[in-house]
Protein backbone atom coordinates (compact mmCIF):
# COMPACT_ATOMS: atom_id res chain seq x y z
CA SER A 1 -36.59 64.59 60.23
CA GLN A 2 -33.34 62.95 61.31
CA ASP A 3 -35.02 59.52 61.08
CA ALA A 4 -36.27 60.30 57.59
CA LEU A 5 -32.76 61.28 56.53
CA VAL A 6 -31.45 57.92 57.73
CA HIS A 7 -33.99 56.14 55.50
CA LEU A 8 -33.10 58.39 52.56
CA GLU A 9 -29.44 57.52 53.00
CA GLU A 10 -30.37 53.83 52.87
CA ALA A 11 -32.40 54.41 49.69
CA GLU A 12 -29.50 56.30 48.14
CA SER A 13 -27.44 53.12 47.93
CA GLY A 14 -30.06 51.69 45.55
CA GLU A 15 -30.87 54.87 43.61
CA PRO A 16 -28.05 57.41 43.94
CA ASP A 17 -29.23 59.35 40.88
CA ASN A 18 -32.87 59.79 41.91
CA PRO A 19 -33.69 63.53 41.94
CA TRP A 20 -36.69 62.98 44.24
CA LEU A 21 -34.42 61.39 46.82
CA TRP A 22 -32.12 64.42 46.78
CA TYR A 23 -35.06 66.83 46.90
CA LEU A 24 -36.51 65.05 49.94
CA ARG A 25 -33.09 65.04 51.57
CA GLY A 26 -32.95 68.81 51.02
CA LEU A 27 -36.37 69.23 52.64
CA GLY A 28 -35.24 67.14 55.61
CA ARG A 29 -32.21 69.37 56.05
CA VAL A 30 -34.49 72.42 55.94
CA GLN A 31 -36.44 70.98 58.87
CA LEU A 32 -33.16 70.62 60.78
CA HIS A 33 -32.05 74.17 59.84
CA ASP A 34 -28.97 72.74 58.13
CA TRP A 35 -29.05 75.34 55.37
CA TYR A 36 -25.83 74.53 53.53
CA ALA A 37 -26.46 70.78 53.41
CA SER A 38 -29.97 71.56 52.19
CA LEU A 39 -28.61 73.72 49.36
CA GLU A 40 -26.20 70.95 48.34
CA SER A 41 -29.00 68.37 48.20
CA LEU A 42 -31.34 70.68 46.29
CA ASP A 43 -28.59 71.54 43.82
CA ARG A 44 -27.88 67.83 43.31
CA ALA A 45 -31.60 67.20 42.63
CA ARG A 46 -31.73 70.10 40.16
CA ASP A 47 -28.58 68.94 38.36
CA LEU A 48 -29.90 65.37 38.05
CA LEU A 49 -33.19 66.62 36.62
CA ARG A 50 -31.35 68.72 34.06
CA ALA A 51 -29.15 65.75 33.13
CA TYR A 52 -32.34 63.75 32.46
CA GLY A 53 -33.70 66.54 30.24
CA ASP A 54 -36.04 68.13 32.83
CA PRO A 55 -38.74 65.42 32.75
CA ASP A 56 -40.54 66.75 35.86
CA PRO A 57 -41.21 70.52 35.65
CA GLN A 58 -43.23 70.50 38.89
CA LEU A 59 -40.32 69.04 40.83
CA LEU A 60 -37.97 71.57 39.25
CA GLU A 61 -40.29 74.39 40.35
CA SER A 62 -40.49 72.96 43.89
CA ILE A 63 -36.70 72.80 44.04
CA ARG A 64 -36.47 76.40 42.86
CA ARG A 65 -38.95 77.67 45.48
CA THR A 66 -37.37 75.70 48.32
CA ARG A 67 -33.88 76.80 47.31
CA ARG A 68 -34.95 80.46 47.29
CA ARG A 69 -36.36 80.07 50.80
CA VAL A 70 -33.19 78.38 52.05
CA ARG A 71 -30.96 81.04 50.48
CA SER A 72 -32.85 83.70 52.41
CA GLU A 73 -31.66 81.97 55.60
CA VAL A 74 -28.05 82.22 54.47
CA PHE A 75 -28.02 85.54 52.61
CA ALA A 76 -30.71 88.17 52.91
CA THR A 77 -31.18 91.75 51.84
CA SER A 78 -33.97 94.18 52.47
CA LEU A 79 -34.73 97.67 51.28
CA GLN A 80 -37.35 99.97 52.74
CA ILE A 81 -38.13 103.50 51.68
CA GLY A 82 -40.82 105.89 52.78
CA LEU A 83 -42.20 109.30 52.07
CA SER A 84 -44.69 111.08 54.28
CA TYR A 85 -46.33 114.43 54.48
CA ASP A 86 -48.30 114.75 57.63
CA SER A 87 -50.35 117.16 59.61
CA ASN A 88 -50.01 115.30 62.90
CA VAL A 89 -50.78 111.97 61.15
CA SER A 90 -48.29 109.69 59.38
CA PHE A 91 -49.42 107.92 56.22
CA LEU A 92 -46.87 105.16 56.59
CA GLY A 93 -48.90 103.20 59.12
CA SER A 94 -47.07 100.27 60.71
CA GLY A 95 -44.35 100.54 58.06
CA GLY A 96 -43.34 103.87 59.52
CA ALA A 97 -42.69 102.32 62.92
CA GLY A 98 -40.14 99.93 61.42
CA LEU A 99 -38.36 102.87 59.84
CA GLY A 100 -38.28 104.78 63.09
CA LEU A 101 -40.47 107.61 61.82
CA LEU A 102 -42.22 109.86 64.26
CA ALA A 103 -45.17 111.95 63.17
CA GLY A 104 -46.51 115.05 64.80
CA ARG A 105 -45.35 117.94 62.65
CA GLY A 106 -47.11 119.38 59.67
CA ASP A 107 -44.13 118.90 57.41
CA ALA A 108 -42.59 116.11 55.39
CA GLU A 109 -40.13 113.30 56.04
CA PHE A 110 -38.19 110.80 53.99
CA ALA A 111 -36.80 107.52 55.29
CA SER A 112 -34.73 104.75 53.76
CA ARG A 113 -33.18 101.59 55.13
CA PHE A 114 -30.97 98.94 53.58
CA SER A 115 -29.96 95.73 55.35
CA LEU A 116 -27.67 92.92 54.26
CA PHE A 117 -27.12 89.69 56.21
CA TYR A 118 -24.83 86.76 55.49
CA ALA A 119 -24.39 83.54 57.49
CA PRO A 120 -21.18 81.66 56.62
CA ILE A 121 -22.13 79.02 59.20
CA ALA A 122 -25.76 77.92 59.31
CA ASP A 123 -26.51 74.36 60.29
CA GLU A 124 -28.67 72.46 62.76
CA ASN A 125 -26.38 73.22 65.73
CA GLU A 126 -25.00 76.71 65.23
CA THR A 127 -25.27 79.88 63.22
CA LEU A 128 -22.79 82.67 62.70
CA SER A 129 -24.12 85.72 60.87
CA PHE A 130 -22.80 89.10 59.85
CA GLY A 131 -25.01 92.06 59.12
CA MET A 132 -24.80 95.54 57.71
CA ARG A 133 -27.38 98.29 57.76
CA VAL A 134 -27.70 101.84 56.52
CA VAL A 135 -30.58 103.97 57.79
CA ASP A 136 -31.32 107.53 56.71
CA THR A 137 -34.27 109.67 57.78
CA ARG A 138 -34.53 113.34 56.79
CA HIS A 139 -36.89 116.15 57.48
CA PHE A 140 -37.14 118.37 54.43
CA ALA A 141 -35.92 121.25 56.54
CA ILE A 142 -32.58 119.53 57.09
CA ASN A 143 -31.46 121.90 59.81
CA GLU A 144 -34.40 120.73 61.94
CA PHE A 145 -34.02 116.98 61.61
CA ASP A 146 -31.53 114.54 60.12
CA TYR A 147 -30.98 110.97 61.36
CA GLN A 148 -28.36 108.57 60.04
CA ASP A 149 -27.43 105.13 61.38
CA TYR A 150 -24.69 103.07 59.74
CA GLY A 151 -24.12 99.78 61.47
CA LEU A 152 -22.45 96.39 61.41
CA SER A 153 -23.38 93.39 63.49
CA ILE A 154 -22.20 89.91 64.26
CA GLN A 155 -24.24 87.19 65.97
CA TYR A 156 -23.46 83.64 67.05
CA VAL A 157 -26.19 81.23 68.17
CA ARG A 158 -25.64 77.67 69.44
CA ARG A 159 -28.43 75.13 69.92
CA LEU A 160 -28.29 73.64 73.42
CA GLY A 161 -31.26 71.29 73.07
CA ASP A 162 -34.59 70.94 71.32
CA ARG A 163 -36.01 74.09 72.90
CA TRP A 164 -32.93 75.95 74.09
CA GLU A 165 -30.31 77.98 72.37
CA ALA A 166 -27.74 80.50 73.50
CA GLY A 167 -26.28 83.30 71.55
CA PHE A 168 -24.40 86.52 71.67
CA GLY A 169 -24.13 89.41 69.32
CA TYR A 170 -22.48 92.75 68.85
CA ASP A 171 -24.01 95.65 67.02
């Protein structure tokens, strides 16, 4: 991908306002996990297409899809909720495991989880991300069971080579 980016930079001198060039540059940056540079290139491609009157709707749609994927690497949210009534069997299946639900009583449970992650640094060599989570699981007889988990996290990862990276985090 780095070689392809070099050729795209050479082509840019001849066609600096080519939206396809900027789109391909954005895709190359995606391959290198350089999320912010990818977003800049995709935005440039989108802006050029709009300036030309949107002559290529398929390219515009490809830019939109790729940009959404890249944004999820920089900023992500998730929401999970669950409701279960069991008689020694949970109806949540594998989704219940991710929520931390345990079955085994003939009663009911409710679970919710919200997560938010943001990476102010996300490029081909390093990533710094911050996270927040709120977890809440209740048994309908609240005096028997109530679980709450409010958390913050920070993680830094540095690429050491093609197949190696090192990182540390605090939760």
